[in-house]
Amino acid sequence: MRTILLFVVALALGACSGPEDPVQAEVSASKFELGQMNRDFAAALNAKDAKAAAAAYAEDAVLLPPGEPLVRGREAIEEYWRGAIELGGIRDVSVETMDAQSSGSLGYETGSFELTVDGPDGEPVTDRGRYIELLRRDPDGRWVSTHGIWNAAPE
């Protein structure tokens, strides 16, 4: 009986102790899971919903648009995308994740995008480019962007 009791105590103590290497305990998110942020973002732009587009970003996120001043905070990001939707007629937005990795609650995604905007003469123009998003898992488990930057694809 004493042997069984010692075995149960040893088993219970082993279950209570954490892993020896905390890095091994972190489960990496999948490429698909990390790319969901940008798929949600693209869907929001296609729906012309700046509020939903901004929801893909952390409250303290920063955008670094090409050739423009940086945009800081979700509220400013919402205004940025609202202006882009209204002025540029953004539509047919699609994204494709090229690479994505995470460690714990931090991650990144690189990818390519394609979208259509109204050109200066009113004719549709297709824009293609690449992006990188630094990601953080928020308290409810969603991956949101903390920093985003994009540029045009090479010709």
N, C-alpha and C. Protein backbone atom coordinates (compact mmCIF):
# COMPACT_ATOMS: atom_id res chain seq x y z
N MET A 1 0.82 -1.19 0.00
CA MET A 1 0.00 0.00 0.00
C MET A 1 0.87 1.25 0.00
N ARG A 2 1.96 1.21 0.78
CA ARG A 2 2.87 2.35 0.86
C ARG A 2 3.49 2.62 -0.51
N THR A 3 3.80 1.61 -1.29
CA THR A 3 4.39 1.78 -2.61
C THR A 3 3.40 2.47 -3.55
N ILE A 4 2.13 2.08 -3.49
CA ILE A 4 1.09 2.70 -4.33
C ILE A 4 0.93 4.17 -3.95
N LEU A 5 0.92 4.46 -2.65
CA LEU A 5 0.78 5.83 -2.18
C LEU A 5 1.95 6.69 -2.66
N LEU A 6 3.19 6.18 -2.57
CA LEU A 6 4.35 6.91 -3.05
C LEU A 6 4.28 7.15 -4.56
N PHE A 7 3.81 6.16 -5.30
CA PHE A 7 3.66 6.29 -6.76
C PHE A 7 2.65 7.38 -7.09
N VAL A 8 1.51 7.41 -6.39
CA VAL A 8 0.47 8.42 -6.63
C VAL A 8 1.00 9.81 -6.30
N VAL A 9 1.73 9.95 -5.17
CA VAL A 9 2.30 11.24 -4.80
C VAL A 9 3.32 11.69 -5.84
N ALA A 10 4.18 10.79 -6.29
CA ALA A 10 5.19 11.13 -7.30
C ALA A 10 4.52 11.54 -8.61
N LEU A 11 3.48 10.84 -8.99
CA LEU A 11 2.74 11.16 -10.22
C LEU A 11 2.08 12.53 -10.10
N ALA A 12 1.48 12.81 -8.95
CA ALA A 12 0.83 14.11 -8.73
C ALA A 12 1.84 15.24 -8.76
N LEU A 13 2.99 15.05 -8.13
CA LEU A 13 4.02 16.09 -8.13
C LEU A 13 4.56 16.31 -9.54
N GLY A 14 4.71 15.27 -10.29
CA GLY A 14 5.18 15.40 -11.67
C GLY A 14 4.19 16.15 -12.53
N ALA A 15 2.92 15.92 -12.30
CA ALA A 15 1.88 16.62 -13.07
C ALA A 15 1.83 18.09 -12.71
N CYS A 16 2.18 18.45 -11.48
CA CYS A 16 2.13 19.84 -11.03
C CYS A 16 3.32 20.65 -11.52
N SER A 17 4.42 20.00 -11.75
CA SER A 17 5.61 20.76 -12.16
C SER A 17 5.49 21.10 -13.63
N GLY A 18 6.03 22.27 -14.01
CA GLY A 18 5.99 22.73 -15.39
C GLY A 18 7.05 22.02 -16.21
N PRO A 19 7.07 22.29 -17.51
CA PRO A 19 8.08 21.67 -18.36
C PRO A 19 9.46 22.22 -18.02
N GLU A 20 10.47 21.41 -18.25
CA GLU A 20 11.83 21.84 -17.96
C GLU A 20 12.25 22.97 -18.87
N ASP A 21 11.85 22.93 -20.13
CA ASP A 21 12.19 23.97 -21.09
C ASP A 21 10.92 24.69 -21.50
N PRO A 22 10.67 25.92 -20.99
CA PRO A 22 9.42 26.61 -21.29
C PRO A 22 9.25 26.90 -22.78
N VAL A 23 10.33 27.01 -23.54
CA VAL A 23 10.21 27.26 -24.97
C VAL A 23 9.55 26.07 -25.66
N GLN A 24 9.87 24.86 -25.20
CA GLN A 24 9.25 23.68 -25.79
C GLN A 24 7.76 23.63 -25.48
N ALA A 25 7.32 24.27 -24.40
CA ALA A 25 5.91 24.25 -24.03
C ALA A 25 5.09 25.17 -24.93
N GLU A 26 5.72 26.12 -25.60
CA GLU A 26 5.00 27.04 -26.47
C GLU A 26 4.58 26.31 -27.73
N VAL A 27 3.33 26.42 -28.09
CA VAL A 27 2.84 25.80 -29.29
C VAL A 27 2.80 26.85 -30.38
N SER A 28 3.50 26.60 -31.46
CA SER A 28 3.50 27.55 -32.57
C SER A 28 2.17 27.51 -33.28
N ALA A 29 1.72 28.68 -33.70
CA ALA A 29 0.49 28.77 -34.49
C ALA A 29 0.80 28.34 -35.92
N SER A 30 -0.20 27.87 -36.61
CA SER A 30 -0.01 27.43 -37.99
C SER A 30 0.05 28.65 -38.92
N LYS A 31 0.58 28.42 -40.09
CA LYS A 31 0.63 29.46 -41.12
C LYS A 31 -0.78 29.94 -41.44
N PHE A 32 -1.72 29.03 -41.49
CA PHE A 32 -3.12 29.38 -41.76
C PHE A 32 -3.68 30.26 -40.65
N GLU A 33 -3.43 29.87 -39.41
CA GLU A 33 -3.94 30.63 -38.26
C GLU A 33 -3.35 32.05 -38.24
N LEU A 34 -2.06 32.18 -38.49
CA LEU A 34 -1.42 33.50 -38.48
C LEU A 34 -1.89 34.35 -39.66
N GLY A 35 -2.20 33.74 -40.78
CA GLY A 35 -2.68 34.48 -41.95
C GLY A 35 -4.12 34.93 -41.86
N GLN A 36 -4.86 34.43 -40.85
CA GLN A 36 -6.27 34.80 -40.73
C GLN A 36 -6.45 36.30 -40.54
N MET A 37 -5.52 36.95 -39.86
CA MET A 37 -5.61 38.40 -39.65
C MET A 37 -5.75 39.12 -40.98
N ASN A 38 -4.91 38.77 -41.95
CA ASN A 38 -4.96 39.46 -43.23
C ASN A 38 -6.14 39.02 -44.10
N ARG A 39 -6.59 37.79 -43.97
CA ARG A 39 -7.79 37.38 -44.70
C ARG A 39 -9.01 38.15 -44.17
N ASP A 40 -9.09 38.33 -42.85
CA ASP A 40 -10.18 39.13 -42.27
C ASP A 40 -10.07 40.58 -42.72
N PHE A 41 -8.85 41.10 -42.75
CA PHE A 41 -8.60 42.48 -43.18
C PHE A 41 -9.05 42.67 -44.63
N ALA A 42 -8.66 41.76 -45.53
CA ALA A 42 -9.05 41.85 -46.94
C ALA A 42 -10.57 41.78 -47.09
N ALA A 43 -11.20 40.90 -46.34
CA ALA A 43 -12.67 40.80 -46.40
C ALA A 43 -13.32 42.11 -45.96
N ALA A 44 -12.75 42.74 -44.93
CA ALA A 44 -13.29 44.02 -44.44
C ALA A 44 -13.15 45.11 -45.51
N LEU A 45 -12.00 45.18 -46.17
CA LEU A 45 -11.83 46.18 -47.24
C LEU A 45 -12.80 45.91 -48.38
N ASN A 46 -12.99 44.65 -48.76
CA ASN A 46 -13.94 44.31 -49.82
C ASN A 46 -15.36 44.70 -49.44
N ALA A 47 -15.67 44.65 -48.13
CA ALA A 47 -17.00 45.04 -47.65
C ALA A 47 -17.08 46.55 -47.41
N LYS A 48 -15.98 47.26 -47.66
CA LYS A 48 -15.89 48.70 -47.44
C LYS A 48 -16.18 49.07 -45.98
N ASP A 49 -15.65 48.25 -45.07
CA ASP A 49 -15.89 48.41 -43.64
C ASP A 49 -14.57 48.75 -42.94
N ALA A 50 -14.31 50.05 -42.78
CA ALA A 50 -13.05 50.50 -42.18
C ALA A 50 -12.94 50.07 -40.72
N LYS A 51 -14.05 50.03 -40.01
CA LYS A 51 -14.03 49.62 -38.60
C LYS A 51 -13.57 48.16 -38.48
N ALA A 52 -14.11 47.29 -39.32
CA ALA A 52 -13.70 45.88 -39.30
C ALA A 52 -12.25 45.73 -39.75
N ALA A 53 -11.82 46.54 -40.71
CA ALA A 53 -10.42 46.49 -41.15
C ALA A 53 -9.50 46.87 -39.99
N ALA A 54 -9.85 47.91 -39.25
CA ALA A 54 -9.04 48.36 -38.11
C ALA A 54 -9.04 47.34 -36.98
N ALA A 55 -10.10 46.54 -36.87
CA ALA A 55 -10.19 45.53 -35.81
C ALA A 55 -9.14 44.44 -35.98
N ALA A 56 -8.51 44.35 -37.15
CA ALA A 56 -7.44 43.37 -37.38
C ALA A 56 -6.14 43.81 -36.72
N TYR A 57 -6.12 45.03 -36.18
CA TYR A 57 -4.92 45.60 -35.58
C TYR A 57 -5.07 45.73 -34.07
N ALA A 58 -3.96 45.66 -33.36
CA ALA A 58 -3.94 45.90 -31.92
C ALA A 58 -4.29 47.36 -31.65
N GLU A 59 -4.77 47.64 -30.47
CA GLU A 59 -5.15 49.00 -30.08
C GLU A 59 -3.98 49.98 -30.27
N ASP A 60 -2.76 49.53 -30.02
CA ASP A 60 -1.57 50.39 -30.11
C ASP A 60 -0.74 50.12 -31.38
N ALA A 61 -1.36 49.57 -32.41
CA ALA A 61 -0.65 49.20 -33.63
C ALA A 61 -0.11 50.41 -34.38
N VAL A 62 0.85 50.13 -35.25
CA VAL A 62 1.47 51.16 -36.09
C VAL A 62 1.48 50.67 -37.53
N LEU A 63 1.01 51.51 -38.46
CA LEU A 63 1.11 51.25 -39.89
C LEU A 63 2.24 52.10 -40.45
N LEU A 64 2.99 51.53 -41.38
CA LEU A 64 4.05 52.27 -42.07
C LEU A 64 3.74 52.22 -43.57
N PRO A 65 2.79 53.03 -44.04
CA PRO A 65 2.43 53.00 -45.46
C PRO A 65 3.55 53.58 -46.32
N PRO A 66 3.72 53.07 -47.53
CA PRO A 66 4.81 53.54 -48.39
C PRO A 66 4.61 55.02 -48.76
N GLY A 67 5.67 55.80 -48.56
CA GLY A 67 5.65 57.20 -48.95
C GLY A 67 4.72 58.10 -48.14
N GLU A 68 4.25 57.62 -46.99
CA GLU A 68 3.32 58.39 -46.16
C GLU A 68 3.79 58.38 -44.71
N PRO A 69 3.28 59.31 -43.91
CA PRO A 69 3.63 59.29 -42.48
C PRO A 69 3.08 58.03 -41.82
N LEU A 70 3.71 57.63 -40.73
CA LEU A 70 3.20 56.46 -40.02
C LEU A 70 1.86 56.78 -39.39
N VAL A 71 1.08 55.74 -39.17
CA VAL A 71 -0.26 55.85 -38.60
C VAL A 71 -0.24 55.06 -37.30
N ARG A 72 -0.55 55.73 -36.18
CA ARG A 72 -0.41 55.11 -34.87
C ARG A 72 -1.77 54.99 -34.17
N GLY A 73 -2.11 53.77 -33.75
CA GLY A 73 -3.32 53.51 -32.97
C GLY A 73 -4.49 53.06 -33.83
N ARG A 74 -5.33 52.21 -33.26
CA ARG A 74 -6.44 51.63 -34.01
C ARG A 74 -7.40 52.69 -34.55
N GLU A 75 -7.67 53.73 -33.77
CA GLU A 75 -8.59 54.77 -34.23
C GLU A 75 -8.04 55.47 -35.48
N ALA A 76 -6.76 55.81 -35.46
CA ALA A 76 -6.13 56.45 -36.63
C ALA A 76 -6.06 55.49 -37.81
N ILE A 77 -5.85 54.22 -37.53
CA ILE A 77 -5.82 53.21 -38.59
C ILE A 77 -7.19 53.10 -39.24
N GLU A 78 -8.24 53.14 -38.44
CA GLU A 78 -9.59 53.11 -39.00
C GLU A 78 -9.81 54.31 -39.93
N GLU A 79 -9.39 55.49 -39.51
CA GLU A 79 -9.54 56.69 -40.35
C GLU A 79 -8.72 56.57 -41.63
N TYR A 80 -7.52 56.01 -41.52
CA TYR A 80 -6.67 55.82 -42.70
C TYR A 80 -7.39 54.94 -43.73
N TRP A 81 -7.90 53.80 -43.28
CA TRP A 81 -8.56 52.89 -44.22
C TRP A 81 -9.89 53.43 -44.70
N ARG A 82 -10.58 54.19 -43.87
CA ARG A 82 -11.83 54.83 -44.32
C ARG A 82 -11.52 55.77 -45.49
N GLY A 83 -10.47 56.58 -45.34
CA GLY A 83 -10.07 57.48 -46.42
C GLY A 83 -9.68 56.73 -47.68
N ALA A 84 -8.94 55.66 -47.52
CA ALA A 84 -8.53 54.87 -48.69
C ALA A 84 -9.73 54.25 -49.39
N ILE A 85 -10.69 53.78 -48.62
CA ILE A 85 -11.90 53.18 -49.21
C ILE A 85 -12.69 54.24 -49.96
N GLU A 86 -12.88 55.40 -49.34
CA GLU A 86 -13.70 56.45 -49.95
C GLU A 86 -13.01 57.10 -51.15
N LEU A 87 -11.73 57.40 -51.04
CA LEU A 87 -11.03 58.10 -52.11
C LEU A 87 -10.57 57.20 -53.23
N GLY A 88 -10.12 55.99 -52.87
CA GLY A 88 -9.51 55.13 -53.88
C GLY A 88 -10.42 54.08 -54.47
N GLY A 89 -11.60 53.92 -53.91
CA GLY A 89 -12.49 52.89 -54.43
C GLY A 89 -11.88 51.49 -54.35
N ILE A 90 -11.21 51.19 -53.25
CA ILE A 90 -10.56 49.88 -53.10
C ILE A 90 -11.58 48.75 -53.23
N ARG A 91 -11.21 47.75 -54.02
CA ARG A 91 -12.07 46.58 -54.19
C ARG A 91 -11.23 45.39 -54.67
N ASP A 92 -11.85 44.25 -54.69
CA ASP A 92 -11.19 43.02 -55.16
C ASP A 92 -9.86 42.77 -54.46
N VAL A 93 -9.85 42.95 -53.14
CA VAL A 93 -8.64 42.76 -52.35
C VAL A 93 -8.45 41.27 -52.08
N SER A 94 -7.24 40.79 -52.32
CA SER A 94 -6.90 39.41 -51.96
C SER A 94 -5.49 39.40 -51.39
N VAL A 95 -5.25 38.46 -50.50
CA VAL A 95 -3.94 38.29 -49.88
C VAL A 95 -3.54 36.83 -49.95
N GLU A 96 -2.24 36.61 -49.95
CA GLU A 96 -1.71 35.25 -49.91
C GLU A 96 -0.53 35.22 -48.97
N THR A 97 -0.61 34.38 -47.96
CA THR A 97 0.48 34.24 -47.00
C THR A 97 1.62 33.47 -47.65
N MET A 98 2.82 34.05 -47.58
CA MET A 98 4.01 33.37 -48.09
C MET A 98 4.72 32.62 -46.96
N ASP A 99 4.82 33.26 -45.80
CA ASP A 99 5.49 32.65 -44.66
C ASP A 99 4.87 33.22 -43.40
N ALA A 100 4.83 32.43 -42.36
CA ALA A 100 4.31 32.89 -41.07
C ALA A 100 4.84 31.95 -40.00
N GLN A 101 5.27 32.54 -38.90
CA GLN A 101 5.76 31.76 -37.78
C GLN A 101 5.43 32.48 -36.49
N SER A 102 5.44 31.73 -35.40
CA SER A 102 5.20 32.34 -34.10
C SER A 102 6.02 31.64 -33.04
N SER A 103 6.15 32.34 -31.92
CA SER A 103 6.75 31.79 -30.72
C SER A 103 5.97 32.39 -29.57
N GLY A 104 5.26 31.54 -28.86
CA GLY A 104 4.42 32.05 -27.78
C GLY A 104 3.33 32.94 -28.34
N SER A 105 3.22 34.15 -27.81
CA SER A 105 2.15 35.07 -28.23
C SER A 105 2.62 36.09 -29.26
N LEU A 106 3.82 35.90 -29.84
CA LEU A 106 4.33 36.80 -30.87
C LEU A 106 4.54 36.03 -32.17
N GLY A 107 4.32 36.71 -33.28
CA GLY A 107 4.51 36.05 -34.57
C GLY A 107 4.67 37.07 -35.67
N TYR A 108 4.81 36.56 -36.89
CA TYR A 108 4.88 37.43 -38.06
C TYR A 108 4.25 36.70 -39.23
N GLU A 109 3.88 37.49 -40.23
CA GLU A 109 3.37 36.96 -41.48
C GLU A 109 3.93 37.80 -42.61
N THR A 110 4.43 37.16 -43.65
CA THR A 110 4.79 37.86 -44.88
C THR A 110 3.87 37.34 -45.97
N GLY A 111 3.57 38.19 -46.91
CA GLY A 111 2.68 37.76 -47.97
C GLY A 111 2.64 38.72 -49.13
N SER A 112 1.74 38.43 -50.03
CA SER A 112 1.53 39.28 -51.20
C SER A 112 0.05 39.67 -51.24
N PHE A 113 -0.20 40.80 -51.89
CA PHE A 113 -1.58 41.27 -52.02
C PHE A 113 -1.83 41.73 -53.44
N GLU A 114 -3.10 41.78 -53.76
CA GLU A 114 -3.55 42.35 -55.02
C GLU A 114 -4.86 43.05 -54.72
N LEU A 115 -5.03 44.23 -55.31
CA LEU A 115 -6.28 44.96 -55.13
C LEU A 115 -6.50 45.86 -56.34
N THR A 116 -7.73 46.29 -56.49
CA THR A 116 -8.08 47.20 -57.57
C THR A 116 -8.49 48.53 -56.96
N VAL A 117 -8.02 49.61 -57.57
CA VAL A 117 -8.40 50.96 -57.16
C VAL A 117 -8.82 51.73 -58.40
N ASP A 118 -9.48 52.86 -58.17
CA ASP A 118 -9.84 53.75 -59.28
C ASP A 118 -8.62 54.58 -59.64
N GLY A 119 -8.23 54.54 -60.90
CA GLY A 119 -7.11 55.34 -61.37
C GLY A 119 -7.52 56.80 -61.52
N PRO A 120 -6.56 57.67 -61.84
CA PRO A 120 -6.85 59.10 -61.98
C PRO A 120 -7.93 59.40 -63.02
N ASP A 121 -8.01 58.56 -64.04
CA ASP A 121 -9.02 58.77 -65.08
C ASP A 121 -10.31 58.01 -64.80
N GLY A 122 -10.40 57.40 -63.61
CA GLY A 122 -11.60 56.65 -63.24
C GLY A 122 -11.56 55.20 -63.67
N GLU A 123 -10.58 54.84 -64.48
CA GLU A 123 -10.45 53.44 -64.93
C GLU A 123 -9.81 52.61 -63.81
N PRO A 124 -10.22 51.34 -63.68
CA PRO A 124 -9.64 50.49 -62.63
C PRO A 124 -8.16 50.19 -62.88
N VAL A 125 -7.39 50.21 -61.78
CA VAL A 125 -5.97 49.91 -61.82
C VAL A 125 -5.70 48.81 -60.80
N THR A 126 -4.98 47.78 -61.21
CA THR A 126 -4.64 46.70 -60.29
C THR A 126 -3.29 47.00 -59.66
N ASP A 127 -3.26 46.91 -58.34
CA ASP A 127 -2.03 47.14 -57.57
C ASP A 127 -1.62 45.82 -56.94
N ARG A 128 -0.34 45.49 -57.06
CA ARG A 128 0.20 44.26 -56.47
C ARG A 128 1.37 44.63 -55.58
N GLY A 129 1.50 43.93 -54.48
CA GLY A 129 2.61 44.22 -53.59
C GLY A 129 2.87 43.12 -52.60
N ARG A 130 3.73 43.46 -51.64
CA ARG A 130 4.12 42.52 -50.59
C ARG A 130 3.94 43.21 -49.24
N TYR A 131 3.82 42.42 -48.20
CA TYR A 131 3.64 43.00 -46.86
C TYR A 131 4.31 42.13 -45.81
N ILE A 132 4.51 42.75 -44.65
CA ILE A 132 4.90 42.00 -43.46
C ILE A 132 4.10 42.57 -42.30
N GLU A 133 3.59 41.68 -41.49
CA GLU A 133 2.85 42.05 -40.28
C GLU A 133 3.54 41.41 -39.09
N LEU A 134 3.80 42.20 -38.07
CA LEU A 134 4.23 41.65 -36.79
C LEU A 134 2.95 41.43 -36.00
N LEU A 135 2.81 40.25 -35.42
CA LEU A 135 1.55 39.84 -34.81
C LEU A 135 1.68 39.56 -33.33
N ARG A 136 0.58 39.73 -32.63
CA ARG A 136 0.51 39.40 -31.21
C ARG A 136 -0.85 38.75 -30.97
N ARG A 137 -0.84 37.70 -30.16
CA ARG A 137 -2.11 37.04 -29.81
C ARG A 137 -2.76 37.90 -28.73
N ASP A 138 -4.00 38.33 -29.00
CA ASP A 138 -4.69 39.16 -28.00
C ASP A 138 -5.33 38.27 -26.94
N PRO A 139 -5.84 38.85 -25.86
CA PRO A 139 -6.35 38.04 -24.74
C PRO A 139 -7.46 37.04 -25.13
N ASP A 140 -8.23 37.33 -26.19
CA ASP A 140 -9.26 36.37 -26.58
C ASP A 140 -8.77 35.38 -27.64
N GLY A 141 -7.44 35.33 -27.86
CA GLY A 141 -6.86 34.30 -28.71
C GLY A 141 -6.68 34.66 -30.17
N ARG A 142 -7.19 35.82 -30.61
CA ARG A 142 -7.03 36.24 -32.00
C ARG A 142 -5.63 36.80 -32.22
N TRP A 143 -5.10 36.58 -33.41
CA TRP A 143 -3.84 37.21 -33.80
C TRP A 143 -4.17 38.56 -34.42
N VAL A 144 -3.54 39.62 -33.91
CA VAL A 144 -3.75 40.97 -34.42
C VAL A 144 -2.39 41.56 -34.79
N SER A 145 -2.39 42.50 -35.71
CA SER A 145 -1.15 43.13 -36.15
C SER A 145 -0.75 44.23 -35.17
N THR A 146 0.53 44.26 -34.83
CA THR A 146 1.07 45.36 -34.03
C THR A 146 1.81 46.35 -34.91
N HIS A 147 2.36 45.88 -36.01
CA HIS A 147 3.09 46.72 -36.95
C HIS A 147 2.90 46.14 -38.35
N GLY A 148 2.52 47.00 -39.28
CA GLY A 148 2.32 46.55 -40.65
C GLY A 148 3.01 47.47 -41.64
N ILE A 149 3.62 46.88 -42.65
CA ILE A 149 4.28 47.67 -43.70
C ILE A 149 4.09 46.92 -45.02
N TRP A 150 3.97 47.67 -46.10
CA TRP A 150 3.79 47.05 -47.41
C TRP A 150 4.49 47.91 -48.46
N ASN A 151 4.73 47.28 -49.62
CA ASN A 151 5.31 48.01 -50.74
C ASN A 151 4.86 47.36 -52.04
N ALA A 152 5.17 48.04 -53.14
CA ALA A 152 4.78 47.54 -54.45
C ALA A 152 5.63 46.33 -54.84
N ALA A 153 5.03 45.43 -55.57
CA ALA A 153 5.77 44.27 -56.08
C ALA A 153 6.66 44.74 -57.23
N PRO A 154 7.79 44.08 -57.43
CA PRO A 154 8.64 44.46 -58.57
C PRO A 154 7.91 44.19 -59.89
N GLU A 155 8.18 45.00 -60.84
CA GLU A 155 7.54 44.87 -62.16
C GLU A 155 7.99 43.63 -62.88
